[in-house]
Amino acid sequence: MEIITSYEKLQELIKNNDMLMIYFGSKACGVCSCMMPKVENMIKRYPNINAVMVEADKSLSLSAKFNVFTVPVILLYIEGKETIREVRIISLDNLEQKIARYCQIFYVN
C-alpha cells in the first residue's frame, strides 16, 4: 500500500478514484501491525479499489482532518463520499461483506 503524507494528495486520490480505501494505522500499534497484511490480502480480491495508508502517528494533522484520533481506522470512499468507516475493533469479515455489496452494486450494473 502506498503511504500518503499529504492532504492534497489524499484529496486528489479521493476525487480521482471511484473507490478508495484509506487505512490509518501506526507501526507502534500492535493491532495495526497484525491487521495490515490481512487488509492488504483482502483488498487484492477487489482490483477496482485503490488502497492507501496514512501513518497516523507521523501525519497527525492529516489524520485530524479526517477525524481520525485512534487507530486502526479504515475508510472507504465511493465516488468521493465516505461510505464506510470502521474504527479500532474491526471485523474484517463484516468489512469484506460490506465492500463486496458495494462492489456488486457499483460494478455489476
PDB file of N, CA and C in Angstrom:
ATOM      1  N   MET A   1       0.837  -1.174   0.000  1.00  0.00           N
ATOM      2  CA  MET A   1       0.000   0.000   0.000  1.00  0.00           C
ATOM      3  C   MET A   1       0.883   1.238   0.000  1.00  0.00           C
ATOM      4  N   GLU A   2       0.531   2.171  -0.829  1.00  0.00           N
ATOM      5  CA  GLU A   2       1.259   3.444  -0.877  1.00  0.00           C
ATOM      6  C   GLU A   2       0.980   4.238   0.404  1.00  0.00           C
ATOM      7  N   ILE A   3       2.006   4.839   0.960  1.00  0.00           N
ATOM      8  CA  ILE A   3       1.857   5.673   2.159  1.00  0.00           C
ATOM      9  C   ILE A   3       1.673   7.119   1.724  1.00  0.00           C
ATOM     10  N   ILE A   4       0.613   7.730   2.215  1.00  0.00           N
ATOM     11  CA  ILE A   4       0.274   9.102   1.860  1.00  0.00           C
ATOM     12  C   ILE A   4       0.549  10.001   3.061  1.00  0.00           C
ATOM     13  N   THR A   5       1.188  11.135   2.808  1.00  0.00           N
ATOM     14  CA  THR A   5       1.512  12.071   3.886  1.00  0.00           C
ATOM     15  C   THR A   5       0.911  13.452   3.652  1.00  0.00           C
ATOM     16  N   SER A   6       0.314  13.662   2.502  1.00  0.00           N
ATOM     17  CA  SER A   6      -0.168  14.986   2.124  1.00  0.00           C
ATOM     18  C   SER A   6      -1.694  15.004   1.997  1.00  0.00           C
ATOM     19  N   TYR A   7      -2.306  16.014   2.598  1.00  0.00           N
ATOM     20  CA  TYR A   7      -3.757  16.191   2.499  1.00  0.00           C
ATOM     21  C   TYR A   7      -4.175  16.387   1.047  1.00  0.00           C
ATOM     22  N   GLU A   8      -3.408  17.167   0.317  1.00  0.00           N
ATOM     23  CA  GLU A   8      -3.727  17.446  -1.083  1.00  0.00           C
ATOM     24  C   GLU A   8      -3.697  16.166  -1.921  1.00  0.00           C
ATOM     25  N   LYS A   9      -2.688  15.342  -1.698  1.00  0.00           N
ATOM     26  CA  LYS A   9      -2.575  14.076  -2.428  1.00  0.00           C
ATOM     27  C   LYS A   9      -3.752  13.157  -2.100  1.00  0.00           C
ATOM     28  N   LEU A  10      -4.123  13.103  -0.838  1.00  0.00           N
ATOM     29  CA  LEU A  10      -5.239  12.256  -0.439  1.00  0.00           C
ATOM     30  C   LEU A  10      -6.549  12.747  -1.034  1.00  0.00           C
ATOM     31  N   GLN A  11      -6.750  14.063  -1.048  1.00  0.00           N
ATOM     32  CA  GLN A  11      -7.952  14.624  -1.667  1.00  0.00           C
ATOM     33  C   GLN A  11      -7.988  14.317  -3.167  1.00  0.00           C
ATOM     34  N   GLU A  12      -6.846  14.399  -3.809  1.00  0.00           N
ATOM     35  CA  GLU A  12      -6.750  14.083  -5.235  1.00  0.00           C
ATOM     36  C   GLU A  12      -7.122  12.614  -5.485  1.00  0.00           C
ATOM     37  N   LEU A  13      -6.636  11.717  -4.639  1.00  0.00           N
ATOM     38  CA  LEU A  13      -6.959  10.299  -4.773  1.00  0.00           C
ATOM     39  C   LEU A  13      -8.447  10.037  -4.557  1.00  0.00           C
ATOM     40  N   ILE A  14      -9.019  10.699  -3.571  1.00  0.00           N
ATOM     41  CA  ILE A  14     -10.457  10.546  -3.306  1.00  0.00           C
ATOM     42  C   ILE A  14     -11.255  11.006  -4.520  1.00  0.00           C
ATOM     43  N   LYS A  15     -10.856  12.117  -5.093  1.00  0.00           N
ATOM     44  CA  LYS A  15     -11.563  12.687  -6.240  1.00  0.00           C
ATOM     45  C   LYS A  15     -11.399  11.822  -7.497  1.00  0.00           C
ATOM     46  N   ASN A  16     -10.223  11.248  -7.705  1.00  0.00           N
ATOM     47  CA  ASN A  16      -9.918  10.576  -8.974  1.00  0.00           C
ATOM     48  C   ASN A  16     -10.111   9.064  -8.969  1.00  0.00           C
ATOM     49  N   ASN A  17     -10.569   8.492  -7.864  1.00  0.00           N
ATOM     50  CA  ASN A  17     -10.813   7.047  -7.799  1.00  0.00           C
ATOM     51  C   ASN A  17     -12.287   6.798  -7.505  1.00  0.00           C
ATOM     52  N   ASP A  18     -12.897   5.892  -8.266  1.00  0.00           N
ATOM     53  CA  ASP A  18     -14.286   5.539  -7.980  1.00  0.00           C
ATOM     54  C   ASP A  18     -14.410   4.958  -6.581  1.00  0.00           C
ATOM     55  N   MET A  19     -13.444   4.098  -6.217  1.00  0.00           N
ATOM     56  CA  MET A  19     -13.421   3.518  -4.876  1.00  0.00           C
ATOM     57  C   MET A  19     -12.008   3.622  -4.324  1.00  0.00           C
ATOM     58  N   LEU A  20     -11.899   4.160  -3.122  1.00  0.00           N
ATOM     59  CA  LEU A  20     -10.600   4.318  -2.465  1.00  0.00           C
ATOM     60  C   LEU A  20     -10.718   3.895  -1.014  1.00  0.00           C
ATOM     61  N   MET A  21      -9.847   2.978  -0.596  1.00  0.00           N
ATOM     62  CA  MET A  21      -9.764   2.600   0.808  1.00  0.00           C
ATOM     63  C   MET A  21      -8.564   3.303   1.422  1.00  0.00           C
ATOM     64  N   ILE A  22      -8.790   3.931   2.562  1.00  0.00           N
ATOM     65  CA  ILE A  22      -7.711   4.582   3.298  1.00  0.00           C
ATOM     66  C   ILE A  22      -7.565   3.856   4.631  1.00  0.00           C
ATOM     67  N   TYR A  23      -6.360   3.350   4.866  1.00  0.00           N
ATOM     68  CA  TYR A  23      -6.064   2.640   6.107  1.00  0.00           C
ATOM     69  C   TYR A  23      -5.208   3.552   6.970  1.00  0.00           C
ATOM     70  N   PHE A  24      -5.743   3.989   8.104  1.00  0.00           N
ATOM     71  CA  PHE A  24      -4.992   4.785   9.067  1.00  0.00           C
ATOM     72  C   PHE A  24      -4.450   3.827  10.121  1.00  0.00           C
ATOM     73  N   GLY A  25      -3.137   3.793  10.245  1.00  0.00           N
ATOM     74  CA  GLY A  25      -2.514   2.896  11.203  1.00  0.00           C
ATOM     75  C   GLY A  25      -1.236   3.488  11.741  1.00  0.00           C
ATOM     76  N   SER A  26      -0.512   2.658  12.485  1.00  0.00           N
ATOM     77  CA  SER A  26       0.752   3.083  13.075  1.00  0.00           C
ATOM     78  C   SER A  26       1.626   1.854  13.269  1.00  0.00           C
ATOM     79  N   LYS A  27       2.906   2.001  13.011  1.00  0.00           N
ATOM     80  CA  LYS A  27       3.829   0.886  13.227  1.00  0.00           C
ATOM     81  C   LYS A  27       3.962   0.563  14.717  1.00  0.00           C
ATOM     82  N   ALA A  28       3.664   1.522  15.587  1.00  0.00           N
ATOM     83  CA  ALA A  28       3.750   1.307  17.021  1.00  0.00           C
ATOM     84  C   ALA A  28       2.508   0.601  17.577  1.00  0.00           C
ATOM     85  N   CYS A  29       1.499   0.431  16.754  1.00  0.00           N
ATOM     86  CA  CYS A  29       0.237  -0.189  17.175  1.00  0.00           C
ATOM     87  C   CYS A  29       0.269  -1.675  16.829  1.00  0.00           C
ATOM     88  N   GLY A  30       0.205  -2.521  17.854  1.00  0.00           N
ATOM     89  CA  GLY A  30       0.236  -3.957  17.643  1.00  0.00           C
ATOM     90  C   GLY A  30      -0.926  -4.461  16.805  1.00  0.00           C
ATOM     91  N   VAL A  31      -2.114  -3.945  17.065  1.00  0.00           N
ATOM     92  CA  VAL A  31      -3.293  -4.352  16.298  1.00  0.00           C
ATOM     93  C   VAL A  31      -3.122  -3.952  14.830  1.00  0.00           C
ATOM     94  N   CYS A  32      -2.625  -2.746  14.593  1.00  0.00           N
ATOM     95  CA  CYS A  32      -2.404  -2.270  13.220  1.00  0.00           C
ATOM     96  C   CYS A  32      -1.421  -3.169  12.474  1.00  0.00           C
ATOM     97  N   SER A  33      -0.332  -3.516  13.146  1.00  0.00           N
ATOM     98  CA  SER A  33       0.692  -4.347  12.524  1.00  0.00           C
ATOM     99  C   SER A  33       0.151  -5.726  12.168  1.00  0.00           C
ATOM    100  N   CYS A  34      -0.717  -6.246  12.993  1.00  0.00           N
ATOM    101  CA  CYS A  34      -1.317  -7.551  12.753  1.00  0.00           C
ATOM    102  C   CYS A  34      -2.380  -7.474  11.649  1.00  0.00           C
ATOM    103  N   MET A  35      -3.136  -6.394  11.640  1.00  0.00           N
ATOM    104  CA  MET A  35      -4.253  -6.264  10.698  1.00  0.00           C
ATOM    105  C   MET A  35      -3.810  -5.867   9.297  1.00  0.00           C
ATOM    106  N   MET A  36      -2.751  -5.097   9.185  1.00  0.00           N
ATOM    107  CA  MET A  36      -2.319  -4.556   7.899  1.00  0.00           C
ATOM    108  C   MET A  36      -2.161  -5.631   6.813  1.00  0.00           C
ATOM    109  N   PRO A  37      -1.418  -6.716   7.043  1.00  0.00           N
ATOM    110  CA  PRO A  37      -1.281  -7.718   5.989  1.00  0.00           C
ATOM    111  C   PRO A  37      -2.610  -8.379   5.626  1.00  0.00           C
ATOM    112  N   LYS A  38      -3.499  -8.506   6.601  1.00  0.00           N
ATOM    113  CA  LYS A  38      -4.814  -9.091   6.327  1.00  0.00           C
ATOM    114  C   LYS A  38      -5.649  -8.168   5.442  1.00  0.00           C
ATOM    115  N   VAL A  39      -5.567  -6.873   5.709  1.00  0.00           N
ATOM    116  CA  VAL A  39      -6.280  -5.892   4.881  1.00  0.00           C
ATOM    117  C   VAL A  39      -5.701  -5.894   3.465  1.00  0.00           C
ATOM    118  N   GLU A  40      -4.373  -5.916   3.360  1.00  0.00           N
ATOM    119  CA  GLU A  40      -3.739  -5.942   2.042  1.00  0.00           C
ATOM    120  C   GLU A  40      -4.136  -7.196   1.260  1.00  0.00           C
ATOM    121  N   ASN A  41      -4.208  -8.309   1.941  1.00  0.00           N
ATOM    122  CA  ASN A  41      -4.605  -9.556   1.297  1.00  0.00           C
ATOM    123  C   ASN A  41      -6.073  -9.491   0.840  1.00  0.00           C
ATOM    124  N   MET A  42      -6.930  -8.951   1.697  1.00  0.00           N
ATOM    125  CA  MET A  42      -8.345  -8.836   1.363  1.00  0.00           C
ATOM    126  C   MET A  42      -8.552  -7.922   0.154  1.00  0.00           C
ATOM    127  N   ILE A  43      -7.867  -6.813   0.136  1.00  0.00           N
ATOM    128  CA  ILE A  43      -8.096  -5.815  -0.912  1.00  0.00           C
ATOM    129  C   ILE A  43      -7.630  -6.317  -2.280  1.00  0.00           C
ATOM    130  N   LYS A  44      -6.743  -7.296  -2.303  1.00  0.00           N
ATOM    131  CA  LYS A  44      -6.304  -7.883  -3.576  1.00  0.00           C
ATOM    132  C   LYS A  44      -7.453  -8.535  -4.322  1.00  0.00           C
ATOM    133  N   ARG A  45      -8.493  -8.927  -3.597  1.00  0.00           N
ATOM    134  CA  ARG A  45      -9.656  -9.553  -4.227  1.00  0.00           C
ATOM    135  C   ARG A  45     -10.566  -8.524  -4.897  1.00  0.00           C
ATOM    136  N   TYR A  46     -10.264  -7.245  -4.717  1.00  0.00           N
ATOM    137  CA  TYR A  46     -11.091  -6.169  -5.267  1.00  0.00           C
ATOM    138  C   TYR A  46     -10.216  -5.233  -6.101  1.00  0.00           C
ATOM    139  N   PRO A  47      -9.916  -5.619  -7.328  1.00  0.00           N
ATOM    140  CA  PRO A  47      -8.986  -4.834  -8.151  1.00  0.00           C
ATOM    141  C   PRO A  47      -9.489  -3.431  -8.501  1.00  0.00           C
ATOM    142  N   ASN A  48     -10.779  -3.193  -8.332  1.00  0.00           N
ATOM    143  CA  ASN A  48     -11.325  -1.862  -8.641  1.00  0.00           C
ATOM    144  C   ASN A  48     -11.139  -0.877  -7.494  1.00  0.00           C
ATOM    145  N   ILE A  49     -10.657  -1.361  -6.360  1.00  0.00           N
ATOM    146  CA  ILE A  49     -10.453  -0.477  -5.213  1.00  0.00           C
ATOM    147  C   ILE A  49      -8.974  -0.161  -5.078  1.00  0.00           C
ATOM    148  N   ASN A  50      -8.655   1.124  -5.094  1.00  0.00           N
ATOM    149  CA  ASN A  50      -7.303   1.570  -4.816  1.00  0.00           C
ATOM    150  C   ASN A  50      -7.182   1.711  -3.301  1.00  0.00           C
ATOM    151  N   ALA A  51      -6.081   1.252  -2.730  1.00  0.00           N
ATOM    152  CA  ALA A  51      -5.892   1.316  -1.277  1.00  0.00           C
ATOM    153  C   ALA A  51      -4.595   2.040  -0.949  1.00  0.00           C
ATOM    154  N   VAL A  52      -4.673   2.914   0.045  1.00  0.00           N
ATOM    155  CA  VAL A  52      -3.509   3.664   0.505  1.00  0.00           C
ATOM    156  C   VAL A  52      -3.480   3.640   2.039  1.00  0.00           C
ATOM    157  N   MET A  53      -2.335   4.000   2.587  1.00  0.00           N
ATOM    158  CA  MET A  53      -2.178   4.042   4.038  1.00  0.00           C
ATOM    159  C   MET A  53      -1.723   5.419   4.490  1.00  0.00           C
ATOM    160  N   VAL A  54      -2.216   5.818   5.651  1.00  0.00           N
ATOM    161  CA  VAL A  54      -1.730   7.013   6.333  1.00  0.00           C
ATOM    162  C   VAL A  54      -1.162   6.549   7.665  1.00  0.00           C
ATOM    163  N   GLU A  55       0.102   6.858   7.911  1.00  0.00           N
ATOM    164  CA  GLU A  55       0.701   6.562   9.211  1.00  0.00           C
ATOM    165  C   GLU A  55       0.267   7.670  10.170  1.00  0.00           C
ATOM    166  N   ALA A  56      -0.765   7.357  10.938  1.00  0.00           N
ATOM    167  CA  ALA A  56      -1.432   8.376  11.748  1.00  0.00           C
ATOM    168  C   ALA A  56      -0.500   9.069  12.728  1.00  0.00           C
ATOM    169  N   ASP A  57       0.450   8.329  13.301  1.00  0.00           N
ATOM    170  CA  ASP A  57       1.350   8.937  14.281  1.00  0.00           C
ATOM    171  C   ASP A  57       2.379   9.865  13.644  1.00  0.00           C
ATOM    172  N   LYS A  58       2.605   9.711  12.345  1.00  0.00           N
ATOM    173  CA  LYS A  58       3.546  10.578  11.633  1.00  0.00           C
ATOM    174  C   LYS A  58       2.844  11.693  10.868  1.00  0.00           C
ATOM    175  N   SER A  59       1.541  11.582  10.721  1.00  0.00           N
ATOM    176  CA  SER A  59       0.753  12.578   9.963  1.00  0.00           C
ATOM    177  C   SER A  59      -0.441  12.990  10.810  1.00  0.00           C
ATOM    178  N   LEU A  60      -0.152  13.606  11.942  1.00  0.00           N
ATOM    179  CA  LEU A  60      -1.205  13.942  12.904  1.00  0.00           C
ATOM    180  C   LEU A  60      -2.241  14.913  12.327  1.00  0.00           C
ATOM    181  N   SER A  61      -1.793  15.937  11.621  1.00  0.00           N
ATOM    182  CA  SER A  61      -2.747  16.916  11.096  1.00  0.00           C
ATOM    183  C   SER A  61      -3.594  16.307   9.988  1.00  0.00           C
ATOM    184  N   LEU A  62      -2.993  15.453   9.183  1.00  0.00           N
ATOM    185  CA  LEU A  62      -3.743  14.774   8.123  1.00  0.00           C
ATOM    186  C   LEU A  62      -4.803  13.869   8.743  1.00  0.00           C
ATOM    187  N   SER A  63      -4.431  13.124   9.750  1.00  0.00           N
ATOM    188  CA  SER A  63      -5.388  12.253  10.437  1.00  0.00           C
ATOM    189  C   SER A  63      -6.521  13.071  11.046  1.00  0.00           C
ATOM    190  N   ALA A  64      -6.175  14.182  11.673  1.00  0.00           N
ATOM    191  CA  ALA A  64      -7.191  15.030  12.304  1.00  0.00           C
ATOM    192  C   ALA A  64      -8.184  15.576  11.283  1.00  0.00           C
ATOM    193  N   LYS A  65      -7.721  15.890  10.079  1.00  0.00           N
ATOM    194  CA  LYS A  65      -8.632  16.401   9.041  1.00  0.00           C
ATOM    195  C   LYS A  65      -9.676  15.370   8.630  1.00  0.00           C
ATOM    196  N   PHE A  66      -9.380  14.095   8.897  1.00  0.00           N
ATOM    197  CA  PHE A  66     -10.327  13.027   8.598  1.00  0.00           C
ATOM    198  C   PHE A  66     -10.988  12.502   9.879  1.00  0.00           C
ATOM    199  N   ASN A  67     -10.868  13.274  10.966  1.00  0.00           N
ATOM    200  CA  ASN A  67     -11.445  12.910  12.262  1.00  0.00           C
ATOM    201  C   ASN A  67     -10.984  11.535  12.728  1.00  0.00           C
ATOM    202  N   VAL A  68      -9.710  11.263  12.527  1.00  0.00           N
ATOM    203  CA  VAL A  68      -9.110  10.013  12.980  1.00  0.00           C
ATOM    204  C   VAL A  68      -8.224  10.339  14.175  1.00  0.00           C
ATOM    205  N   PHE A  69      -8.630   9.842  15.343  1.00  0.00           N
ATOM    206  CA  PHE A  69      -7.895  10.133  16.571  1.00  0.00           C
ATOM    207  C   PHE A  69      -7.464   8.859  17.293  1.00  0.00           C
ATOM    208  N   THR A  70      -7.728   7.722  16.688  1.00  0.00           N
ATOM    209  CA  THR A  70      -7.300   6.425  17.198  1.00  0.00           C
ATOM    210  C   THR A  70      -7.012   5.538  15.997  1.00  0.00           C
ATOM    211  N   VAL A  71      -6.307   4.456  16.203  1.00  0.00           N
ATOM    212  CA  VAL A  71      -6.007   3.544  15.102  1.00  0.00           C
ATOM    213  C   VAL A  71      -6.271   2.109  15.554  1.00  0.00           C
ATOM    214  N   PRO A  72      -6.537   1.215  14.637  1.00  0.00           N
ATOM    215  CA  PRO A  72      -6.671   1.426  13.199  1.00  0.00           C
ATOM    216  C   PRO A  72      -8.046   1.980  12.823  1.00  0.00           C
ATOM    217  N   VAL A  73      -8.071   2.659  11.686  1.00  0.00           N
ATOM    218  CA  VAL A  73      -9.314   3.151  11.082  1.00  0.00           C
ATOM    219  C   VAL A  73      -9.246   2.838   9.599  1.00  0.00           C
ATOM    220  N   ILE A  74     -10.338   2.322   9.079  1.00  0.00           N
ATOM    221  CA  ILE A  74     -10.436   2.060   7.651  1.00  0.00           C
ATOM    222  C   ILE A  74     -11.602   2.870   7.109  1.00  0.00           C
ATOM    223  N   LEU A  75     -11.314   3.675   6.083  1.00  0.00           N
ATOM    224  CA  LEU A  75     -12.338   4.455   5.400  1.00  0.00           C
ATOM    225  C   LEU A  75     -12.459   3.952   3.976  1.00  0.00           C
ATOM    226  N   LEU A  76     -13.682   3.869   3.481  1.00  0.00           N
ATOM    227  CA  LEU A  76     -13.908   3.558   2.075  1.00  0.00           C
ATOM    228  C   LEU A  76     -14.675   4.708   1.461  1.00  0.00           C
ATOM    229  N   TYR A  77     -14.075   5.297   0.440  1.00  0.00           N
ATOM    230  CA  TYR A  77     -14.717   6.371  -0.305  1.00  0.00           C
ATOM    231  C   TYR A  77     -15.221   5.814  -1.624  1.00  0.00           C
ATOM    232  N   ILE A  78     -16.474   6.118  -1.939  1.00  0.00           N
ATOM    233  CA  ILE A  78     -17.064   5.742  -3.218  1.00  0.00           C
ATOM    234  C   ILE A  78     -17.528   7.022  -3.883  1.00  0.00           C
ATOM    235  N   GLU A  79     -17.007   7.262  -5.082  1.00  0.00           N
ATOM    236  CA  GLU A  79     -17.302   8.479  -5.847  1.00  0.00           C
ATOM    237  C   GLU A  79     -17.149   9.734  -4.985  1.00  0.00           C
ATOM    238  N   GLY A  80     -16.070   9.765  -4.202  1.00  0.00           N
ATOM    239  CA  GLY A  80     -15.730  10.951  -3.425  1.00  0.00           C
ATOM    240  C   GLY A  80     -16.449  11.105  -2.104  1.00  0.00           C
ATOM    241  N   LYS A  81     -17.296  10.135  -1.736  1.00  0.00           N
ATOM    242  CA  LYS A  81     -18.046  10.240  -0.485  1.00  0.00           C
ATOM    243  C   LYS A  81     -17.639   9.117   0.467  1.00  0.00           C
ATOM    244  N   GLU A  82     -17.434   9.491   1.726  1.00  0.00           N
ATOM    245  CA  GLU A  82     -17.127   8.468   2.716  1.00  0.00           C
ATOM    246  C   GLU A  82     -18.347   7.574   2.889  1.00  0.00           C
ATOM    247  N   THR A  83     -18.154   6.287   2.640  1.00  0.00           N
ATOM    248  CA  THR A  83     -19.259   5.333   2.656  1.00  0.00           C
ATOM    249  C   THR A  83     -19.134   4.346   3.808  1.00  0.00           C
ATOM    250  N   ILE A  84     -17.918   3.978   4.146  1.00  0.00           N
ATOM    251  CA  ILE A  84     -17.677   3.051   5.257  1.00  0.00           C
ATOM    252  C   ILE A  84     -16.603   3.656   6.157  1.00  0.00           C
ATOM    253  N   ARG A  85     -16.834   3.535   7.463  1.00  0.00           N
ATOM    254  CA  ARG A  85     -15.829   3.926   8.466  1.00  0.00           C
ATOM    255  C   ARG A  85     -15.816   2.836   9.532  1.00  0.00           C
ATOM    256  N   GLU A  86     -14.694   2.156   9.632  1.00  0.00           N
ATOM    257  CA  GLU A  86     -14.511   1.121  10.653  1.00  0.00           C
ATOM    258  C   GLU A  86     -13.390   1.587  11.581  1.00  0.00           C
ATOM    259  N   VAL A  87     -13.615   1.462  12.887  1.00  0.00           N
ATOM    260  CA  VAL A  87     -12.690   2.016  13.872  1.00  0.00           C
ATOM    261  C   VAL A  87     -12.326   0.975  14.931  1.00  0.00           C
ATOM    262  N   ARG A  88     -11.045   0.916  15.263  1.00  0.00           N
ATOM    263  CA  ARG A  88     -10.435   0.114  16.342  1.00  0.00           C
ATOM    264  C   ARG A  88     -10.708  -1.371  16.233  1.00  0.00           C
ATOM    265  N   ILE A  89     -11.787  -1.841  16.754  1.00  0.00           N
ATOM    266  CA  ILE A  89     -12.075  -3.275  16.734  1.00  0.00           C
ATOM    267  C   ILE A  89     -12.838  -3.551  15.442  1.00  0.00           C
ATOM    268  N   ILE A  90     -12.098  -4.017  14.444  1.00  0.00           N
ATOM    269  CA  ILE A  90     -12.645  -4.153  13.093  1.00  0.00           C
ATOM    270  C   ILE A  90     -12.784  -5.632  12.746  1.00  0.00           C
ATOM    271  N   SER A  91     -13.990  -6.012  12.381  1.00  0.00           N
ATOM    272  CA  SER A  91     -14.217  -7.367  11.880  1.00  0.00           C
ATOM    273  C   SER A  91     -13.959  -7.345  10.373  1.00  0.00           C
ATOM    274  N   LEU A  92     -12.883  -7.988   9.962  1.00  0.00           N
ATOM    275  CA  LEU A  92     -12.564  -7.996   8.529  1.00  0.00           C
ATOM    276  C   LEU A  92     -13.611  -8.755   7.728  1.00  0.00           C
ATOM    277  N   ASP A  93     -14.247  -9.761   8.322  1.00  0.00           N
ATOM    278  CA  ASP A  93     -15.317 -10.477   7.623  1.00  0.00           C
ATOM    279  C   ASP A  93     -16.491  -9.550   7.340  1.00  0.00           C
ATOM    280  N   ASN A  94     -16.911  -8.779   8.346  1.00  0.00           N
ATOM    281  CA  ASN A  94     -18.015  -7.836   8.149  1.00  0.00           C
ATOM    282  C   ASN A  94     -17.628  -6.740   7.167  1.00  0.00           C
ATOM    283  N   LEU A  95     -16.403  -6.257   7.286  1.00  0.00           N
ATOM    284  CA  LEU A  95     -15.928  -5.225   6.364  1.00  0.00           C
ATOM    285  C   LEU A  95     -15.952  -5.749   4.931  1.00  0.00           C
ATOM    286  N   GLU A  96     -15.462  -6.964   4.737  1.00  0.00           N
ATOM    287  CA  GLU A  96     -15.435  -7.513   3.383  1.00  0.00           C
ATOM    288  C   GLU A  96     -16.848  -7.721   2.834  1.00  0.00           C
ATOM    289  N   GLN A  97     -17.783  -8.101   3.674  1.00  0.00           N
ATOM    290  CA  GLN A  97     -19.171  -8.240   3.217  1.00  0.00           C
ATOM    291  C   GLN A  97     -19.717  -6.898   2.727  1.00  0.00           C
ATOM    292  N   LYS A  98     -19.430  -5.838   3.469  1.00  0.00           N
ATOM    293  CA  LYS A  98     -19.880  -4.507   3.066  1.00  0.00           C
ATOM    294  C   LYS A  98     -19.239  -4.095   1.744  1.00  0.00           C
ATOM    295  N   ILE A  99     -17.929  -4.326   1.637  1.00  0.00           N
ATOM    296  CA  ILE A  99     -17.204  -3.969   0.419  1.00  0.00           C
ATOM    297  C   ILE A  99     -17.742  -4.752  -0.768  1.00  0.00           C
ATOM    298  N   ALA A 100     -17.962  -6.046  -0.578  1.00  0.00           N
ATOM    299  CA  ALA A 100     -18.476  -6.887  -1.660  1.00  0.00           C
ATOM    300  C   ALA A 100     -19.838  -6.398  -2.127  1.00  0.00           C
ATOM    301  N   ARG A 101     -20.681  -5.987  -1.184  1.00  0.00           N
ATOM    302  CA  ARG A 101     -22.007  -5.457  -1.538  1.00  0.00           C
ATOM    303  C   ARG A 101     -21.883  -4.198  -2.395  1.00  0.00           C
ATOM    304  N   TYR A 102     -21.041  -3.270  -1.972  1.00  0.00           N
ATOM    305  CA  TYR A 102     -20.860  -2.039  -2.744  1.00  0.00           C
ATOM    306  C   TYR A 102     -20.255  -2.322  -4.114  1.00  0.00           C
ATOM    307  N   CYS A 103     -19.298  -3.233  -4.167  1.00  0.00           N
ATOM    308  CA  CYS A 103     -18.686  -3.570  -5.461  1.00  0.00           C
ATOM    309  C   CYS A 103     -19.710  -4.195  -6.394  1.00  0.00           C
ATOM    310  N   GLN A 104     -20.567  -5.034  -5.843  1.00  0.00           N
ATOM    311  CA  GLN A 104     -21.598  -5.659  -6.674  1.00  0.00           C
ATOM    312  C   GLN A 104     -22.550  -4.603  -7.225  1.00  0.00           C
ATOM    313  N   ILE A 105     -22.957  -3.685  -6.390  1.00  0.00           N
ATOM    314  CA  ILE A 105     -23.860  -2.618  -6.839  1.00  0.00           C
ATOM    315  C   ILE A 105     -23.167  -1.719  -7.856  1.00  0.00           C
ATOM    316  N   PHE A 106     -21.946  -1.348  -7.553  1.00  0.00           N
ATOM    317  CA  PHE A 106     -21.240  -0.351  -8.357  1.00  0.00           C
ATOM    318  C   PHE A 106     -20.749  -0.897  -9.690  1.00  0.00           C
ATOM    319  N   TYR A 107     -20.285  -2.149  -9.692  1.00  0.00           N
ATOM    320  CA  TYR A 107     -19.634  -2.667 -10.894  1.00  0.00           C
ATOM    321  C   TYR A 107     -20.445  -3.681 -11.687  1.00  0.00           C
ATOM    322  N   VAL A 108     -21.491  -4.257 -11.111  1.00  0.00           N
ATOM    323  CA  VAL A 108     -22.269  -5.254 -11.841  1.00  0.00           C
ATOM    324  C   VAL A 108     -23.304  -4.600 -12.735  1.00  0.00           C
ATOM    325  N   ASN A 109     -23.881  -3.516 -12.299  1.00  0.00           N
ATOM    326  CA  ASN A 109     -24.950  -2.866 -13.084  1.00  0.00           C
ATOM    327  C   ASN A 109     -24.438  -2.163 -14.271  1.00  0.00           C
TER     328      ASN A 109
END
